[in-house]
PDB file of N, CA and C in Angstrom:
ATOM      1  N   VAL A   1      -4.485  -0.742 -36.141  1.00  0.00           N
ATOM      2  CA  VAL A   1      -3.693  -0.401 -34.966  1.00  0.00           C
ATOM      3  C   VAL A   1      -3.758   1.078 -34.696  1.00  0.00           C
ATOM      4  N   ASP A   2      -3.471   1.889 -35.705  1.00  0.00           N
ATOM      5  CA  ASP A   2      -3.378   3.321 -35.550  1.00  0.00           C
ATOM      6  C   ASP A   2      -4.606   3.908 -34.917  1.00  0.00           C
ATOM      7  N   GLY A   3      -5.833   3.286 -35.133  1.00  0.00           N
ATOM      8  CA  GLY A   3      -6.954   3.772 -34.638  1.00  0.00           C
ATOM      9  C   GLY A   3      -7.166   3.723 -33.300  1.00  0.00           C
ATOM     10  N   TYR A   4      -6.407   2.738 -32.663  1.00  0.00           N
ATOM     11  CA  TYR A   4      -6.375   2.537 -31.126  1.00  0.00           C
ATOM     12  C   TYR A   4      -5.416   3.325 -30.440  1.00  0.00           C
ATOM     13  N   LEU A   5      -4.580   3.744 -31.081  1.00  0.00           N
ATOM     14  CA  LEU A   5      -3.421   4.699 -30.413  1.00  0.00           C
ATOM     15  C   LEU A   5      -3.718   6.087 -30.424  1.00  0.00           C
ATOM     16  N   HIS A   6      -3.512   6.749 -29.293  1.00  0.00           N
ATOM     17  CA  HIS A   6      -3.860   8.171 -29.189  1.00  0.00           C
ATOM     18  C   HIS A   6      -2.683   8.960 -29.398  1.00  0.00           C
ATOM     19  N   SER A   7      -2.885  10.208 -29.974  1.00  0.00           N
ATOM     20  CA  SER A   7      -1.798  11.184 -30.211  1.00  0.00           C
ATOM     21  C   SER A   7      -1.483  11.804 -28.941  1.00  0.00           C
ATOM     22  N   GLU A   8      -0.477  12.487 -28.840  1.00  0.00           N
ATOM     23  CA  GLU A   8      -0.266  13.338 -27.714  1.00  0.00           C
ATOM     24  C   GLU A   8      -1.365  14.338 -27.157  1.00  0.00           C
ATOM     25  N   GLU A   9      -1.974  14.906 -28.117  1.00  0.00           N
ATOM     26  CA  GLU A   9      -2.928  15.763 -27.795  1.00  0.00           C
ATOM     27  C   GLU A   9      -4.310  15.007 -27.307  1.00  0.00           C
ATOM     28  N   GLU A  10      -4.646  13.807 -27.840  1.00  0.00           N
ATOM     29  CA  GLU A  10      -5.711  12.974 -27.386  1.00  0.00           C
ATOM     30  C   GLU A  10      -5.321  12.491 -26.087  1.00  0.00           C
ATOM     31  N   LYS A  11      -4.161  12.103 -25.781  1.00  0.00           N
ATOM     32  CA  LYS A  11      -3.720  11.629 -24.433  1.00  0.00           C
ATOM     33  C   LYS A  11      -3.927  12.734 -23.380  1.00  0.00           C
ATOM     34  N   GLN A  12      -3.725  13.932 -23.759  1.00  0.00           N
ATOM     35  CA  GLN A  12      -3.825  15.088 -22.690  1.00  0.00           C
ATOM     36  C   GLN A  12      -5.259  15.372 -22.661  1.00  0.00           C
ATOM     37  N   TYR A  13      -6.076  15.293 -23.518  1.00  0.00           N
ATOM     38  CA  TYR A  13      -7.540  15.641 -23.392  1.00  0.00           C
ATOM     39  C   TYR A  13      -8.232  14.323 -22.530  1.00  0.00           C
ATOM     40  N   LYS A  14      -7.702  13.246 -22.714  1.00  0.00           N
ATOM     41  CA  LYS A  14      -8.130  12.064 -22.080  1.00  0.00           C
ATOM     42  C   LYS A  14      -7.823  12.107 -20.508  1.00  0.00           C
ATOM     43  N   LYS A  15      -6.656  12.576 -20.305  1.00  0.00           N
ATOM     44  CA  LYS A  15      -6.193  12.781 -18.960  1.00  0.00           C
ATOM     45  C   LYS A  15      -6.792  13.764 -18.280  1.00  0.00           C
ATOM     46  N   GLU A  16      -7.132  14.920 -18.936  1.00  0.00           N
ATOM     47  CA  GLU A  16      -7.901  16.075 -18.318  1.00  0.00           C
ATOM     48  C   GLU A  16      -9.301  15.660 -18.057  1.00  0.00           C
ATOM     49  N   ILE A  17     -10.066  14.947 -18.886  1.00  0.00           N
ATOM     50  CA  ILE A  17     -11.349  14.403 -18.642  1.00  0.00           C
ATOM     51  C   ILE A  17     -11.450  13.499 -17.392  1.00  0.00           C
ATOM     52  N   TRP A  18     -10.476  12.553 -17.437  1.00  0.00           N
ATOM     53  CA  TRP A  18     -10.321  11.604 -16.325  1.00  0.00           C
ATOM     54  C   TRP A  18     -10.203  12.354 -15.074  1.00  0.00           C
ATOM     55  N   GLU A  19      -9.214  13.338 -14.951  1.00  0.00           N
ATOM     56  CA  GLU A  19      -9.032  14.068 -13.709  1.00  0.00           C
ATOM     57  C   GLU A  19     -10.241  14.857 -13.230  1.00  0.00           C
ATOM     58  N   PHE A  20     -10.983  15.393 -14.229  1.00  0.00           N
ATOM     59  CA  PHE A  20     -12.158  16.214 -13.931  1.00  0.00           C
ATOM     60  C   PHE A  20     -13.175  15.299 -13.391  1.00  0.00           C
ATOM     61  N   ASN A  21     -13.481  14.150 -13.969  1.00  0.00           N
ATOM     62  CA  ASN A  21     -14.342  13.188 -13.693  1.00  0.00           C
ATOM     63  C   ASN A  21     -14.066  12.615 -12.229  1.00  0.00           C
ATOM     64  N   ASN A  22     -12.781  12.477 -11.856  1.00  0.00           N
ATOM     65  CA  ASN A  22     -12.373  11.569 -10.715  1.00  0.00           C
ATOM     66  C   ASN A  22     -11.796  12.539  -9.721  1.00  0.00           C
ATOM     67  N   ARG A  23     -12.125  13.881  -9.677  1.00  0.00           N
ATOM     68  CA  ARG A  23     -11.345  14.864  -8.857  1.00  0.00           C
ATOM     69  C   ARG A  23     -11.578  14.464  -7.398  1.00  0.00           C
ATOM     70  N   GLU A  24     -12.766  13.970  -7.054  1.00  0.00           N
ATOM     71  CA  GLU A  24     -12.984  13.561  -5.626  1.00  0.00           C
ATOM     72  C   GLU A  24     -12.021  12.449  -5.156  1.00  0.00           C
ATOM     73  N   TYR A  25     -11.903  11.525  -5.923  1.00  0.00           N
ATOM     74  CA  TYR A  25     -10.859  10.472  -5.795  1.00  0.00           C
ATOM     75  C   TYR A  25      -9.493  10.976  -5.594  1.00  0.00           C
ATOM     76  N   LEU A  26      -9.111  11.860  -6.456  1.00  0.00           N
ATOM     77  CA  LEU A  26      -7.731  12.521  -6.446  1.00  0.00           C
ATOM     78  C   LEU A  26      -7.575  13.365  -5.165  1.00  0.00           C
ATOM     79  N   GLU A  27      -8.596  14.070  -4.745  1.00  0.00           N
ATOM     80  CA  GLU A  27      -8.490  14.849  -3.558  1.00  0.00           C
ATOM     81  C   GLU A  27      -8.396  13.771  -2.306  1.00  0.00           C
ATOM     82  N   GLU A  28      -9.237  12.841  -2.410  1.00  0.00           N
ATOM     83  CA  GLU A  28      -9.010  11.771  -1.276  1.00  0.00           C
ATOM     84  C   GLU A  28      -7.524  11.204  -1.194  1.00  0.00           C
ATOM     85  N   GLN A  29      -7.052  10.883  -2.319  1.00  0.00           N
ATOM     86  CA  GLN A  29      -5.680  10.341  -2.332  1.00  0.00           C
ATOM     87  C   GLN A  29      -4.694  11.286  -1.843  1.00  0.00           C
ATOM     88  N   ALA A  30      -4.880  12.509  -2.180  1.00  0.00           N
ATOM     89  CA  ALA A  30      -3.963  13.671  -1.603  1.00  0.00           C
ATOM     90  C   ALA A  30      -4.006  13.735  -0.242  1.00  0.00           C
ATOM     91  N   ILE A  31      -5.193  13.631   0.447  1.00  0.00           N
ATOM     92  CA  ILE A  31      -5.351  13.749   1.853  1.00  0.00           C
ATOM     93  C   ILE A  31      -4.720  12.546   2.434  1.00  0.00           C
ATOM     94  N   LYS A  32      -4.861  11.398   1.945  1.00  0.00           N
ATOM     95  CA  LYS A  32      -4.238  10.154   2.594  1.00  0.00           C
ATOM     96  C   LYS A  32      -2.739  10.258   2.356  1.00  0.00           C
ATOM     97  N   GLU A  33      -2.223  10.772   1.238  1.00  0.00           N
ATOM     98  CA  GLU A  33      -0.761  10.937   1.165  1.00  0.00           C
ATOM     99  C   GLU A  33      -0.180  11.943   2.145  1.00  0.00           C
ATOM    100  N   ALA A  34      -0.966  12.929   2.358  1.00  0.00           N
ATOM    101  CA  ALA A  34      -0.423  13.995   3.250  1.00  0.00           C
ATOM    102  C   ALA A  34      -0.532  13.366   4.631  1.00  0.00           C
ATOM    103  N   ALA A  35      -1.488  12.547   5.009  1.00  0.00           N
ATOM    104  CA  ALA A  35      -1.604  12.061   6.387  1.00  0.00           C
ATOM    105  C   ALA A  35      -0.513  11.085   6.603  1.00  0.00           C
ATOM    106  N   ALA A  36      -0.256  10.323   5.618  1.00  0.00           N
ATOM    107  CA  ALA A  36       0.863   9.330   5.700  1.00  0.00           C
ATOM    108  C   ALA A  36       2.198   9.922   5.828  1.00  0.00           C
ATOM    109  N   ALA A  37       2.353  11.099   5.212  1.00  0.00           N
ATOM    110  CA  ALA A  37       3.615  11.810   5.281  1.00  0.00           C
ATOM    111  C   ALA A  37       3.804  12.395   6.742  1.00  0.00           C
ATOM    112  N   ALA A  38       2.631  12.923   7.318  1.00  0.00           N
ATOM    113  CA  ALA A  38       2.772  13.526   8.533  1.00  0.00           C
ATOM    114  C   ALA A  38       2.963  12.362   9.620  1.00  0.00           C
ATOM    115  N   GLU A  39       2.449  11.240   9.274  1.00  0.00           N
ATOM    116  CA  GLU A  39       2.774  10.078  10.277  1.00  0.00           C
ATOM    117  C   GLU A  39       4.101   9.663  10.253  1.00  0.00           C
ATOM    118  N   ARG A  40       4.647   9.610   8.939  1.00  0.00           N
ATOM    119  CA  ARG A  40       6.119   9.263   8.809  1.00  0.00           C
ATOM    120  C   ARG A  40       7.110  10.204   9.580  1.00  0.00           C
ATOM    121  N   ARG A  41       6.770  11.530   9.328  1.00  0.00           N
ATOM    122  CA  ARG A  41       7.551  12.611  10.077  1.00  0.00           C
ATOM    123  C   ARG A  41       7.442  12.384  11.535  1.00  0.00           C
ATOM    124  N   LYS A  42       6.365  12.178  11.986  1.00  0.00           N
ATOM    125  CA  LYS A  42       6.024  12.004  13.503  1.00  0.00           C
ATOM    126  C   LYS A  42       6.853  10.790  14.004  1.00  0.00           C
ATOM    127  N   LEU A  43       6.866   9.642  13.166  1.00  0.00           N
ATOM    128  CA  LEU A  43       7.541   8.465  13.651  1.00  0.00           C
ATOM    129  C   LEU A  43       9.116   8.707  13.538  1.00  0.00           C
ATOM    130  N   GLU A  44       9.571   9.395  12.585  1.00  0.00           N
ATOM    131  CA  GLU A  44      10.919   9.699  12.521  1.00  0.00           C
ATOM    132  C   GLU A  44      11.387  10.620  13.703  1.00  0.00           C
ATOM    133  N   GLU A  45      10.598  11.410  14.134  1.00  0.00           N
ATOM    134  CA  GLU A  45      10.888  12.263  15.302  1.00  0.00           C
ATOM    135  C   GLU A  45      10.981  11.425  16.560  1.00  0.00           C
ATOM    136  N   GLU A  46      10.003  10.542  16.592  1.00  0.00           N
ATOM    137  CA  GLU A  46       9.962   9.745  17.854  1.00  0.00           C
ATOM    138  C   GLU A  46      11.190   8.750  17.896  1.00  0.00           C
ATOM    139  N   LEU A  47      11.662   8.375  16.658  1.00  0.00           N
ATOM    140  CA  LEU A  47      12.734   7.449  16.520  1.00  0.00           C
ATOM    141  C   LEU A  47      14.089   8.233  16.853  1.00  0.00           C
ATOM    142  N   LYS A  48      14.039   9.428  16.572  1.00  0.00           N
ATOM    143  CA  LYS A  48      15.265  10.295  16.885  1.00  0.00           C
ATOM    144  C   LYS A  48      15.498  10.280  18.312  1.00  0.00           C
ATOM    145  N   ASN A  49      14.440  10.474  19.198  1.00  0.00           N
ATOM    146  CA  ASN A  49      14.565  10.643  20.691  1.00  0.00           C
ATOM    147  C   ASN A  49      14.487   9.175  21.308  1.00  0.00           C
ATOM    148  N   CYS A  50      14.476   8.124  20.693  1.00  0.00           N
ATOM    149  CA  CYS A  50      14.282   6.781  21.176  1.00  0.00           C
ATOM    150  C   CYS A  50      15.635   6.221  21.725  1.00  0.00           C
ATOM    151  N   SER A  51      15.497   5.624  22.804  1.00  0.00           N
ATOM    152  CA  SER A  51      16.736   4.887  23.361  1.00  0.00           C
ATOM    153  C   SER A  51      16.999   3.661  22.510  1.00  0.00           C
ATOM    154  N   PRO A  52      18.238   3.160  22.441  1.00  0.00           N
ATOM    155  CA  PRO A  52      18.605   1.974  21.784  1.00  0.00           C
ATOM    156  C   PRO A  52      17.783   0.672  22.054  1.00  0.00           C
ATOM    157  N   GLU A  53      17.438   0.710  23.314  1.00  0.00           N
ATOM    158  CA  GLU A  53      16.586  -0.497  23.815  1.00  0.00           C
ATOM    159  C   GLU A  53      15.221  -0.467  23.109  1.00  0.00           C
ATOM    160  N   SER A  54      14.668   0.744  23.171  1.00  0.00           N
ATOM    161  CA  SER A  54      13.358   1.011  22.570  1.00  0.00           C
ATOM    162  C   SER A  54      13.332   0.745  21.115  1.00  0.00           C
ATOM    163  N   LEU A  55      14.289   1.228  20.465  1.00  0.00           N
ATOM    164  CA  LEU A  55      14.504   1.002  18.947  1.00  0.00           C
ATOM    165  C   LEU A  55      14.542  -0.510  18.769  1.00  0.00           C
ATOM    166  N   GLU A  56      15.304  -1.247  19.420  1.00  0.00           N
ATOM    167  CA  GLU A  56      15.552  -2.703  19.295  1.00  0.00           C
ATOM    168  C   GLU A  56      14.226  -3.384  19.520  1.00  0.00           C
ATOM    169  N   ALA A  57      13.538  -2.938  20.473  1.00  0.00           N
ATOM    170  CA  ALA A  57      12.074  -3.562  20.808  1.00  0.00           C
ATOM    171  C   ALA A  57      11.159  -3.342  19.567  1.00  0.00           C
ATOM    172  N   ARG A  58      11.244  -2.106  19.036  1.00  0.00           N
ATOM    173  CA  ARG A  58      10.254  -1.850  17.877  1.00  0.00           C
ATOM    174  C   ARG A  58      10.701  -2.728  16.771  1.00  0.00           C
ATOM    175  N   ASN A  59      11.963  -2.759  16.441  1.00  0.00           N
ATOM    176  CA  ASN A  59      12.366  -3.715  15.424  1.00  0.00           C
ATOM    177  C   ASN A  59      12.053  -5.184  15.510  1.00  0.00           C
ATOM    178  N   LEU A  60      12.092  -5.613  16.824  1.00  0.00           N
ATOM    179  CA  LEU A  60      11.647  -6.919  17.042  1.00  0.00           C
ATOM    180  C   LEU A  60      10.162  -7.128  16.930  1.00  0.00           C
ATOM    181  N   ALA A  61       9.364  -6.200  17.453  1.00  0.00           N
ATOM    182  CA  ALA A  61       8.009  -6.197  17.295  1.00  0.00           C
ATOM    183  C   ALA A  61       7.630  -6.221  15.774  1.00  0.00           C
ATOM    184  N   ALA A  62       8.313  -5.397  14.979  1.00  0.00           N
ATOM    185  CA  ALA A  62       8.035  -5.326  13.493  1.00  0.00           C
ATOM    186  C   ALA A  62       8.358  -6.633  12.867  1.00  0.00           C
ATOM    187  N   SER A  63       9.377  -7.394  13.183  1.00  0.00           N
ATOM    188  CA  SER A  63       9.801  -8.674  12.562  1.00  0.00           C
ATOM    189  C   SER A  63       8.804  -9.735  12.982  1.00  0.00           C
ATOM    190  N   VAL A  64       8.434  -9.667  14.310  1.00  0.00           N
ATOM    191  CA  VAL A  64       7.390 -10.736  14.737  1.00  0.00           C
ATOM    192  C   VAL A  64       6.043 -10.457  13.867  1.00  0.00           C
ATOM    193  N   THR A  65       5.651  -9.304  13.755  1.00  0.00           N
ATOM    194  CA  THR A  65       4.368  -8.977  13.014  1.00  0.00           C
ATOM    195  C   THR A  65       4.574  -9.510  11.588  1.00  0.00           C
ATOM    196  N   ALA A  66       5.682  -9.200  10.977  1.00  0.00           N
ATOM    197  CA  ALA A  66       5.842  -9.772   9.612  1.00  0.00           C
ATOM    198  C   ALA A  66       5.995 -11.080   9.551  1.00  0.00           C
ATOM    199  N   ALA A  67       6.502 -11.867  10.516  1.00  0.00           N
ATOM    200  CA  ALA A  67       6.531 -13.150  10.493  1.00  0.00           C
ATOM    201  C   ALA A  67       5.152 -13.900  10.735  1.00  0.00           C
ATOM    202  N   VAL A  68       4.414 -13.351  11.603  1.00  0.00           N
ATOM    203  CA  VAL A  68       2.943 -13.826  11.715  1.00  0.00           C
ATOM    204  C   VAL A  68       2.238 -13.586  10.483  1.00  0.00           C
ATOM    205  N   ALA A  69       2.320 -12.568   9.922  1.00  0.00           N
ATOM    206  CA  ALA A  69       1.561 -12.198   8.593  1.00  0.00           C
ATOM    207  C   ALA A  69       2.010 -13.154   7.557  1.00  0.00           C
ATOM    208  N   LYS A  70       3.186 -13.441   7.418  1.00  0.00           N
ATOM    209  CA  LYS A  70       3.716 -14.473   6.490  1.00  0.00           C
ATOM    210  C   LYS A  70       3.128 -15.855   6.838  1.00  0.00           C
ATOM    211  N   ALA A  71       3.047 -16.177   8.148  1.00  0.00           N
ATOM    212  CA  ALA A  71       2.712 -17.559   8.383  1.00  0.00           C
ATOM    213  C   ALA A  71       1.207 -17.640   8.206  1.00  0.00           C
ATOM    214  N   ARG A  72       0.478 -16.533   8.347  1.00  0.00           N
ATOM    215  CA  ARG A  72      -0.980 -16.574   8.003  1.00  0.00           C
ATOM    216  C   ARG A  72      -1.200 -16.706   6.478  1.00  0.00           C
ATOM    217  N   LYS A  73      -0.370 -16.150   5.670  1.00  0.00           N
ATOM    218  CA  LYS A  73      -0.555 -16.277   4.307  1.00  0.00           C
ATOM    219  C   LYS A  73      -0.285 -17.779   3.820  1.00  0.00           C
ATOM    220  N   VAL A  74       0.735 -18.477   4.435  1.00  0.00           N
ATOM    221  CA  VAL A  74       1.184 -19.777   3.991  1.00  0.00           C
ATOM    222  C   VAL A  74       0.044 -20.731   4.556  1.00  0.00           C
ATOM    223  N   VAL A  75      -0.381 -20.600   5.782  1.00  0.00           N
ATOM    224  CA  VAL A  75      -1.421 -21.441   6.220  1.00  0.00           C
ATOM    225  C   VAL A  75      -2.795 -21.187   5.477  1.00  0.00           C
ATOM    226  N   THR A  76      -3.017 -20.060   5.142  1.00  0.00           N
ATOM    227  CA  THR A  76      -4.384 -19.653   4.435  1.00  0.00           C
ATOM    228  C   THR A  76      -4.083 -20.428   3.013  1.00  0.00           C
ATOM    229  N   SER A  77      -3.071 -20.354   2.315  1.00  0.00           N
ATOM    230  CA  SER A  77      -2.784 -20.913   1.035  1.00  0.00           C
ATOM    231  C   SER A  77      -2.934 -22.439   1.069  1.00  0.00           C
ATOM    232  N   GLU A  78      -2.134 -23.004   2.168  1.00  0.00           N
ATOM    233  CA  GLU A  78      -2.280 -24.499   2.327  1.00  0.00           C
ATOM    234  C   GLU A  78      -3.680 -24.928   2.622  1.00  0.00           C
ATOM    235  N   SER A  79      -4.411 -24.106   3.391  1.00  0.00           N
ATOM    236  CA  SER A  79      -5.740 -24.473   3.742  1.00  0.00           C
ATOM    237  C   SER A  79      -6.695 -24.497   2.444  1.00  0.00           C
ATOM    238  N   ILE A  80      -6.443 -23.588   1.733  1.00  0.00           N
ATOM    239  CA  ILE A  80      -7.303 -23.579   0.467  1.00  0.00           C
ATOM    240  C   ILE A  80      -7.065 -24.691  -0.493  1.00  0.00           C
ATOM    241  N   PHE A  81      -5.575 -25.032  -0.473  1.00  0.00           N
ATOM    242  CA  PHE A  81      -5.209 -26.075  -1.386  1.00  0.00           C
ATOM    243  C   PHE A  81      -5.779 -27.435  -0.849  1.00  0.00           C
ATOM    244  N   TRP A  82      -5.686 -27.542   0.551  1.00  0.00           N
ATOM    245  CA  TRP A  82      -6.138 -28.798   1.221  1.00  0.00           C
ATOM    246  C   TRP A  82      -7.694 -28.879   0.989  1.00  0.00           C
ATOM    247  N   CYS A  83      -8.469 -27.834   1.262  1.00  0.00           N
ATOM    248  CA  CYS A  83      -9.808 -27.979   1.070  1.00  0.00           C
ATOM    249  C   CYS A  83     -10.290 -28.178  -0.364  1.00  0.00           C
ATOM    250  N   GLY A  84      -9.466 -27.607  -1.285  1.00  0.00           N
ATOM    251  CA  GLY A  84      -9.845 -27.812  -2.695  1.00  0.00           C
ATOM    252  C   GLY A  84      -9.474 -29.247  -3.021  1.00  0.00           C
ATOM    253  N   SER A  85      -8.489 -29.964  -2.570  1.00  0.00           N
ATOM    254  CA  SER A  85      -8.113 -31.231  -2.927  1.00  0.00           C
ATOM    255  C   SER A  85      -9.200 -32.227  -2.201  1.00  0.00           C
ATOM    256  N   LEU A  86      -9.716 -31.871  -1.009  1.00  0.00           N
ATOM    257  CA  LEU A  86     -10.684 -32.783  -0.463  1.00  0.00           C
ATOM    258  C   LEU A  86     -12.182 -32.559  -1.059  1.00  0.00           C
ATOM    259  N   CYS A  87     -12.418 -31.405  -1.494  1.00  0.00           N
ATOM    260  CA  CYS A  87     -13.671 -31.096  -1.929  1.00  0.00           C
ATOM    261  C   CYS A  87     -13.967 -31.619  -3.354  1.00  0.00           C
ATOM    262  N   VAL A  88     -12.858 -31.905  -4.053  1.00  0.00           N
ATOM    263  CA  VAL A  88     -13.028 -32.366  -5.392  1.00  0.00           C
ATOM    264  C   VAL A  88     -13.381 -33.743  -5.608  1.00  0.00           C
TER     265      VAL A  88
END
């Protein structure tokens, strides 16, 4: 078991090697995170200037979207089960 466990120094080397080999991926992730943060800030600014009616409409739209997504998951799961029981 001790042969499979890494010491702190080995963990650090492994981390550095992984980061070096995957630097493009890490850069892409950083760009995505920065874009998401900018979008969140933009949305928060829009919501600050939003009327109560508009805010309520946004919340309603979000809940409808979530309900539709949930319904699609349920239907898809049932469809797979139904097809699986017929095809067997």
